[in-house]
Amino acid sequence: MWALMPGAMRRAYDEMMKQVSDRDLHVAGAVGVFVGTCLLAYGAKIVLQ
């Protein structure tokens, strides 16, 4: 979508960022790191068996 409509995507991103608090971004980032780490660990466990 960014390649097709960069102006519209930038406006949508700016509008979304006005509605989301810093705390919510911190929590979402921490959850994302946790889930990513779990997926990597699970993948490594499967590959290294």
PDB file of N, CA and C in Angstrom:
ATOM      1  N   MET A   1       0.811  -1.188   0.000  1.00  0.00           N
ATOM      2  CA  MET A   1       0.000   0.000   0.000  1.00  0.00           C
ATOM      3  C   MET A   1       0.859   1.258   0.000  1.00  0.00           C
ATOM      4  N   TRP A   2       1.999   1.210   0.699  1.00  0.00           N
ATOM      5  CA  TRP A   2       2.864   2.395   0.737  1.00  0.00           C
ATOM      6  C   TRP A   2       3.353   2.751  -0.657  1.00  0.00           C
ATOM      7  N   ALA A   3       3.643   1.754  -1.480  1.00  0.00           N
ATOM      8  CA  ALA A   3       4.142   2.019  -2.830  1.00  0.00           C
ATOM      9  C   ALA A   3       3.041   2.560  -3.739  1.00  0.00           C
ATOM     10  N   LEU A   4       1.800   2.138  -3.511  1.00  0.00           N
ATOM     11  CA  LEU A   4       0.698   2.562  -4.369  1.00  0.00           C
ATOM     12  C   LEU A   4       0.151   3.931  -3.990  1.00  0.00           C
ATOM     13  N   MET A   5       0.015   4.200  -2.704  1.00  0.00           N
ATOM     14  CA  MET A   5      -0.592   5.451  -2.240  1.00  0.00           C
ATOM     15  C   MET A   5       0.179   6.015  -1.052  1.00  0.00           C
ATOM     16  N   PRO A   6       1.386   6.528  -1.246  1.00  0.00           N
ATOM     17  CA  PRO A   6       2.170   6.998  -0.101  1.00  0.00           C
ATOM     18  C   PRO A   6       1.528   8.167   0.648  1.00  0.00           C
ATOM     19  N   GLY A   7       0.881   9.090  -0.070  1.00  0.00           N
ATOM     20  CA  GLY A   7       0.253  10.229   0.596  1.00  0.00           C
ATOM     21  C   GLY A   7      -0.896   9.805   1.491  1.00  0.00           C
ATOM     22  N   ALA A   8      -1.747   8.931   0.982  1.00  0.00           N
ATOM     23  CA  ALA A   8      -2.884   8.449   1.771  1.00  0.00           C
ATOM     24  C   ALA A   8      -2.407   7.626   2.965  1.00  0.00           C
ATOM     25  N   MET A   9      -1.397   6.823   2.765  1.00  0.00           N
ATOM     26  CA  MET A   9      -0.875   6.009   3.868  1.00  0.00           C
ATOM     27  C   MET A   9      -0.243   6.901   4.936  1.00  0.00           C
ATOM     28  N   ARG A  10       0.454   7.940   4.529  1.00  0.00           N
ATOM     29  CA  ARG A  10       1.059   8.863   5.492  1.00  0.00           C
ATOM     30  C   ARG A  10      -0.030   9.554   6.322  1.00  0.00           C
ATOM     31  N   ARG A  11      -1.107   9.981   5.672  1.00  0.00           N
ATOM     32  CA  ARG A  11      -2.210  10.624   6.396  1.00  0.00           C
ATOM     33  C   ARG A  11      -2.866   9.637   7.364  1.00  0.00           C
ATOM     34  N   ALA A  12      -3.082   8.405   6.920  1.00  0.00           N
ATOM     35  CA  ALA A  12      -3.685   7.390   7.785  1.00  0.00           C
ATOM     36  C   ALA A  12      -2.778   7.093   8.977  1.00  0.00           C
ATOM     37  N   TYR A  13      -1.488   7.008   8.734  1.00  0.00           N
ATOM     38  CA  TYR A  13      -0.520   6.748   9.799  1.00  0.00           C
ATOM     39  C   TYR A  13      -0.509   7.897  10.801  1.00  0.00           C
ATOM     40  N   ASP A  14      -0.497   9.141  10.291  1.00  0.00           N
ATOM     41  CA  ASP A  14      -0.503  10.300  11.175  1.00  0.00           C
ATOM     42  C   ASP A  14      -1.767  10.335  12.030  1.00  0.00           C
ATOM     43  N   GLU A  15      -2.917  10.040  11.422  1.00  0.00           N
ATOM     44  CA  GLU A  15      -4.181  10.042  12.161  1.00  0.00           C
ATOM     45  C   GLU A  15      -4.187   8.944  13.219  1.00  0.00           C
ATOM     46  N   MET A  16      -3.667   7.782  12.885  1.00  0.00           N
ATOM     47  CA  MET A  16      -3.628   6.685  13.847  1.00  0.00           C
ATOM     48  C   MET A  16      -2.731   7.048  15.030  1.00  0.00           C
ATOM     49  N   MET A  17      -1.591   7.671  14.748  1.00  0.00           N
ATOM     50  CA  MET A  17      -0.650   8.012  15.817  1.00  0.00           C
ATOM     51  C   MET A  17      -1.205   9.066  16.763  1.00  0.00           C
ATOM     52  N   LYS A  18      -2.115   9.894  16.296  1.00  0.00           N
ATOM     53  CA  LYS A  18      -2.753  10.879  17.173  1.00  0.00           C
ATOM     54  C   LYS A  18      -3.697  10.202  18.160  1.00  0.00           C
ATOM     55  N   GLN A  19      -4.237   9.053  17.795  1.00  0.00           N
ATOM     56  CA  GLN A  19      -5.238   8.376  18.618  1.00  0.00           C
ATOM     57  C   GLN A  19      -4.646   7.368  19.592  1.00  0.00           C
ATOM     58  N   VAL A  20      -3.394   6.972  19.390  1.00  0.00           N
ATOM     59  CA  VAL A  20      -2.771   5.942  20.217  1.00  0.00           C
ATOM     60  C   VAL A  20      -1.846   6.605  21.232  1.00  0.00           C
ATOM     61  N   SER A  21      -1.988   6.228  22.493  1.00  0.00           N
ATOM     62  CA  SER A  21      -1.149   6.809  23.534  1.00  0.00           C
ATOM     63  C   SER A  21       0.246   6.171  23.530  1.00  0.00           C
ATOM     64  N   ASP A  22       1.189   6.864  24.143  1.00  0.00           N
ATOM     65  CA  ASP A  22       2.552   6.334  24.236  1.00  0.00           C
ATOM     66  C   ASP A  22       2.576   5.026  25.019  1.00  0.00           C
ATOM     67  N   ARG A  23       1.769   4.950  26.055  1.00  0.00           N
ATOM     68  CA  ARG A  23       1.733   3.729  26.867  1.00  0.00           C
ATOM     69  C   ARG A  23       1.268   2.544  26.034  1.00  0.00           C
ATOM     70  N   ASP A  24       0.240   2.749  25.217  1.00  0.00           N
ATOM     71  CA  ASP A  24      -0.252   1.671  24.360  1.00  0.00           C
ATOM     72  C   ASP A  24       0.820   1.224  23.368  1.00  0.00           C
ATOM     73  N   LEU A  25       1.584   2.173  22.835  1.00  0.00           N
ATOM     74  CA  LEU A  25       2.670   1.814  21.919  1.00  0.00           C
ATOM     75  C   LEU A  25       3.759   1.015  22.632  1.00  0.00           C
ATOM     76  N   HIS A  26       4.059   1.386  23.871  1.00  0.00           N
ATOM     77  CA  HIS A  26       5.069   0.648  24.646  1.00  0.00           C
ATOM     78  C   HIS A  26       4.601  -0.780  24.918  1.00  0.00           C
ATOM     79  N   VAL A  27       3.354  -0.922  25.320  1.00  0.00           N
ATOM     80  CA  VAL A  27       2.813  -2.258  25.611  1.00  0.00           C
ATOM     81  C   VAL A  27       2.794  -3.109  24.347  1.00  0.00           C
ATOM     82  N   ALA A  28       2.330  -2.535  23.234  1.00  0.00           N
ATOM     83  CA  ALA A  28       2.282  -3.285  21.976  1.00  0.00           C
ATOM     84  C   ALA A  28       3.688  -3.692  21.528  1.00  0.00           C
ATOM     85  N   GLY A  29       4.654  -2.807  21.701  1.00  0.00           N
ATOM     86  CA  GLY A  29       6.033  -3.138  21.344  1.00  0.00           C
ATOM     87  C   GLY A  29       6.591  -4.262  22.207  1.00  0.00           C
ATOM     88  N   ALA A  30       6.329  -4.197  23.501  1.00  0.00           N
ATOM     89  CA  ALA A  30       6.817  -5.242  24.410  1.00  0.00           C
ATOM     90  C   ALA A  30       6.175  -6.589  24.082  1.00  0.00           C
ATOM     91  N   VAL A  31       4.879  -6.578  23.799  1.00  0.00           N
ATOM     92  CA  VAL A  31       4.188  -7.820  23.431  1.00  0.00           C
ATOM     93  C   VAL A  31       4.749  -8.367  22.120  1.00  0.00           C
ATOM     94  N   GLY A  32       5.011  -7.477  21.167  1.00  0.00           N
ATOM     95  CA  GLY A  32       5.580  -7.905  19.892  1.00  0.00           C
ATOM     96  C   GLY A  32       6.951  -8.540  20.057  1.00  0.00           C
ATOM     97  N   VAL A  33       7.789  -7.941  20.906  1.00  0.00           N
ATOM     98  CA  VAL A  33       9.118  -8.515  21.167  1.00  0.00           C
ATOM     99  C   VAL A  33       8.985  -9.880  21.836  1.00  0.00           C
ATOM    100  N   PHE A  34       8.071  -9.997  22.791  1.00  0.00           N
ATOM    101  CA  PHE A  34       7.877 -11.267  23.485  1.00  0.00           C
ATOM    102  C   PHE A  34       7.405 -12.363  22.525  1.00  0.00           C
ATOM    103  N   VAL A  35       6.412 -12.043  21.709  1.00  0.00           N
ATOM    104  CA  VAL A  35       5.879 -13.031  20.756  1.00  0.00           C
ATOM    105  C   VAL A  35       6.958 -13.413  19.736  1.00  0.00           C
ATOM    106  N   GLY A  36       7.692 -12.432  19.241  1.00  0.00           N
ATOM    107  CA  GLY A  36       8.764 -12.722  18.287  1.00  0.00           C
ATOM    108  C   GLY A  36       9.841 -13.613  18.882  1.00  0.00           C
ATOM    109  N   THR A  37      10.208 -13.339  20.125  1.00  0.00           N
ATOM    110  CA  THR A  37      11.213 -14.160  20.802  1.00  0.00           C
ATOM    111  C   THR A  37      10.709 -15.592  20.993  1.00  0.00           C
ATOM    112  N   CYS A  38       9.446 -15.726  21.367  1.00  0.00           N
ATOM    113  CA  CYS A  38       8.870 -17.072  21.527  1.00  0.00           C
ATOM    114  C   CYS A  38       8.857 -17.823  20.196  1.00  0.00           C
ATOM    115  N   LEU A  39       8.487 -17.137  19.124  1.00  0.00           N
ATOM    116  CA  LEU A  39       8.471 -17.787  17.807  1.00  0.00           C
ATOM    117  C   LEU A  39       9.878 -18.203  17.376  1.00  0.00           C
ATOM    118  N   LEU A  40      10.858 -17.351  17.603  1.00  0.00           N
ATOM    119  CA  LEU A  40      12.240 -17.714  17.263  1.00  0.00           C
ATOM    120  C   LEU A  40      12.723 -18.897  18.084  1.00  0.00           C
ATOM    121  N   ALA A  41      12.409 -18.901  19.371  1.00  0.00           N
ATOM    122  CA  ALA A  41      12.824 -20.014  20.226  1.00  0.00           C
ATOM    123  C   ALA A  41      12.156 -21.313  19.784  1.00  0.00           C
ATOM    124  N   TYR A  42      10.872 -21.243  19.456  1.00  0.00           N
ATOM    125  CA  TYR A  42      10.146 -22.427  18.995  1.00  0.00           C
ATOM    126  C   TYR A  42      10.717 -22.919  17.672  1.00  0.00           C
ATOM    127  N   GLY A  43      11.006 -22.008  16.768  1.00  0.00           N
ATOM    128  CA  GLY A  43      11.597 -22.390  15.483  1.00  0.00           C
ATOM    129  C   GLY A  43      12.971 -23.007  15.664  1.00  0.00           C
ATOM    130  N   ALA A  44      13.774 -22.426  16.538  1.00  0.00           N
ATOM    131  CA  ALA A  44      15.098 -22.986  16.795  1.00  0.00           C
ATOM    132  C   ALA A  44      14.998 -24.378  17.405  1.00  0.00           C
ATOM    133  N   LYS A  45      14.023 -24.569  18.280  1.00  0.00           N
ATOM    134  CA  LYS A  45      13.835 -25.884  18.909  1.00  0.00           C
ATOM    135  C   LYS A  45      13.492 -26.930  17.844  1.00  0.00           C
ATOM    136  N   ILE A  46      12.613 -26.562  16.904  1.00  0.00           N
ATOM    137  CA  ILE A  46      12.229 -27.489  15.840  1.00  0.00           C
ATOM    138  C   ILE A  46      13.428 -27.815  14.940  1.00  0.00           C
ATOM    139  N   VAL A  47      14.178 -26.797  14.564  1.00  0.00           N
ATOM    140  CA  VAL A  47      15.299 -26.989  13.638  1.00  0.00           C
ATOM    141  C   VAL A  47      16.423 -27.776  14.288  1.00  0.00           C
ATOM    142  N   LEU A  48      16.683 -27.551  15.557  1.00  0.00           N
ATOM    143  CA  LEU A  48      17.825 -28.170  16.215  1.00  0.00           C
ATOM    144  C   LEU A  48      17.553 -29.550  16.786  1.00  0.00           C
ATOM    145  N   GLN A  49      16.366 -30.073  16.579  1.00  0.00           N
ATOM    146  CA  GLN A  49      16.072 -31.416  17.111  1.00  0.00           C
ATOM    147  C   GLN A  49      16.729 -32.479  16.280  1.00  0.00           C
TER     148      GLN A  49
END
